[in-house]
Amino acid sequence: MAELNIKERQAGDVTILDLSGKITIGEGSVALRSAIRRLLSEGKKKILLNLGGVSYVDSSGIGELVSSYTAVNKEGGQLKLLNLTQKIQDLLAITKLLTVFDVYEDEATALESFS
């Protein structure tokens, strides 16, 4: 079984990726990278990562979030985060990445934020 499960859905022109499991070195971060790169290649540039079901992120997973964010920005898109668990929020705060990502508590607000 893959460490990370990704379910994709559309809300208007925003693609929401519902993630569950772990974003760790190996399969988890590769799965996330492939999903993001595929969306960009399809021209989908408004991406919302729902991390509500993610139980664990390691340093490689953090790196993948940053690299995905960079890749999307380079394409002129937006990558935002939704439903961070307390653990992930603490991790992003410690690494000062909470200031880099747009983070939202509820989906409606997150969707409205995409201009």
Protein backbone atom coordinates (compact mmCIF):
# COMPACT_ATOMS: atom_id res chain seq x y z
CA MET A 1 0.00 0.00 0.00
CA ALA A 2 1.24 3.48 -0.87
CA GLU A 3 2.02 5.71 2.07
CA LEU A 4 0.07 8.58 0.56
CA ASN A 5 -3.42 8.48 -0.95
CA ILE A 6 -4.43 11.32 -3.23
CA LYS A 7 -8.01 12.00 -4.30
CA GLU A 8 -8.52 14.69 -6.88
CA ARG A 9 -11.63 16.83 -7.34
CA GLN A 10 -12.52 20.10 -9.04
CA ALA A 11 -14.23 23.14 -7.56
CA GLY A 12 -14.63 25.54 -10.47
CA ASP A 13 -11.13 26.18 -11.82
CA VAL A 14 -9.48 25.05 -8.58
CA THR A 15 -8.15 21.51 -8.31
CA ILE A 16 -8.39 20.12 -4.78
CA LEU A 17 -6.11 17.27 -3.81
CA ASP A 18 -7.38 15.46 -0.71
CA LEU A 19 -4.30 13.84 0.81
CA SER A 20 -4.33 11.10 3.41
CA GLY A 21 -1.52 9.06 4.90
CA LYS A 22 2.10 10.15 5.17
CA ILE A 23 4.23 12.45 3.07
CA THR A 24 7.64 10.91 3.62
CA ILE A 25 10.83 10.16 1.73
CA GLY A 26 10.18 7.69 -1.05
CA GLU A 27 6.68 6.93 -2.27
CA GLY A 28 4.81 9.65 -0.38
CA SER A 29 6.77 12.60 -1.69
CA VAL A 30 7.08 11.06 -5.17
CA ALA A 31 3.29 10.59 -5.34
CA LEU A 32 2.75 14.23 -4.39
CA ARG A 33 5.36 15.45 -6.89
CA SER A 34 3.85 13.41 -9.73
CA ALA A 35 0.34 14.64 -8.97
CA ILE A 36 1.41 18.31 -8.90
CA ARG A 37 3.54 18.02 -12.07
CA ARG A 38 0.69 16.26 -13.89
CA LEU A 39 -1.78 18.99 -12.94
CA LEU A 40 0.63 21.65 -14.20
CA SER A 41 1.12 19.78 -17.47
CA GLU A 42 -2.68 19.75 -17.86
CA GLY A 43 -2.70 23.51 -17.36
CA LYS A 44 -4.31 23.34 -13.91
CA LYS A 45 -2.58 26.06 -11.97
CA LYS A 46 -4.87 26.66 -9.02
CA ILE A 47 -4.16 23.89 -6.58
CA LEU A 48 -5.45 23.40 -3.05
CA LEU A 49 -3.82 20.70 -0.94
CA ASN A 50 -6.17 19.38 1.72
CA LEU A 51 -3.86 17.97 4.39
CA GLY A 52 -6.61 17.07 6.85
CA GLY A 53 -5.94 13.33 6.46
CA VAL A 54 -2.16 13.54 6.55
CA SER A 55 -0.84 11.95 9.73
CA TYR A 56 2.87 12.58 9.25
CA VAL A 57 5.27 14.67 7.17
CA ASP A 58 9.04 14.16 7.31
CA SER A 59 11.77 16.52 6.10
CA SER A 60 11.54 15.06 2.61
CA GLY A 61 7.77 15.71 2.63
CA ILE A 62 8.37 19.31 3.71
CA GLY A 63 10.89 19.62 0.89
CA GLU A 64 8.33 18.28 -1.54
CA LEU A 65 5.71 20.81 -0.39
CA VAL A 66 8.23 23.62 -0.94
CA SER A 67 9.31 22.25 -4.31
CA SER A 68 5.67 21.87 -5.41
CA TYR A 69 4.96 25.41 -4.27
CA THR A 70 7.95 26.68 -6.29
CA ALA A 71 7.00 24.69 -9.39
CA VAL A 72 3.41 26.01 -9.31
CA ASN A 73 4.58 29.60 -8.76
CA LYS A 74 7.02 29.34 -11.65
CA GLU A 75 4.08 28.41 -13.89
CA GLY A 76 2.19 31.47 -12.64
CA GLY A 77 -0.14 29.38 -10.52
CA GLN A 78 -1.14 29.26 -6.87
CA LEU A 79 -0.69 26.43 -4.38
CA LYS A 80 -2.49 26.75 -1.05
CA LEU A 81 -2.86 24.51 1.98
CA LEU A 82 -6.05 23.50 3.75
CA ASN A 83 -6.88 21.75 7.03
CA LEU A 84 -3.42 21.47 8.55
CA THR A 85 -3.23 19.14 11.52
CA GLN A 86 -1.70 20.65 14.66
CA LYS A 87 1.44 18.60 14.09
CA ILE A 88 1.93 19.85 10.53
CA GLN A 89 1.11 23.41 11.56
CA ASP A 90 3.78 23.24 14.28
CA LEU A 91 6.25 21.79 11.79
CA LEU A 92 5.61 24.61 9.30
CA ALA A 93 5.87 27.17 12.11
CA ILE A 94 9.24 25.80 13.29
CA THR A 95 10.61 25.80 9.73
CA LYS A 96 9.21 29.33 9.14
CA LEU A 97 7.23 27.97 6.18
CA LEU A 98 3.92 29.03 7.67
CA THR A 99 4.81 32.49 6.33
CA VAL A 100 5.43 31.12 2.82
CA PHE A 101 2.24 29.14 2.28
CA ASP A 102 -1.30 30.45 2.23
CA VAL A 103 -3.01 28.30 4.84
CA TYR A 104 -6.75 27.98 5.34
CA GLU A 105 -9.00 26.34 7.92
CA ASP A 106 -12.07 25.91 5.76
CA GLU A 107 -12.53 25.03 2.12
CA ALA A 108 -14.97 27.79 1.21
CA THR A 109 -12.59 30.53 2.36
CA ALA A 110 -9.67 28.84 0.62
CA LEU A 111 -11.60 28.60 -2.66
CA GLU A 112 -12.62 32.27 -2.46
CA SER A 113 -8.97 33.26 -2.00
CA PHE A 114 -8.00 32.07 -5.49
CA SER A 115 -8.19 35.19 -7.64
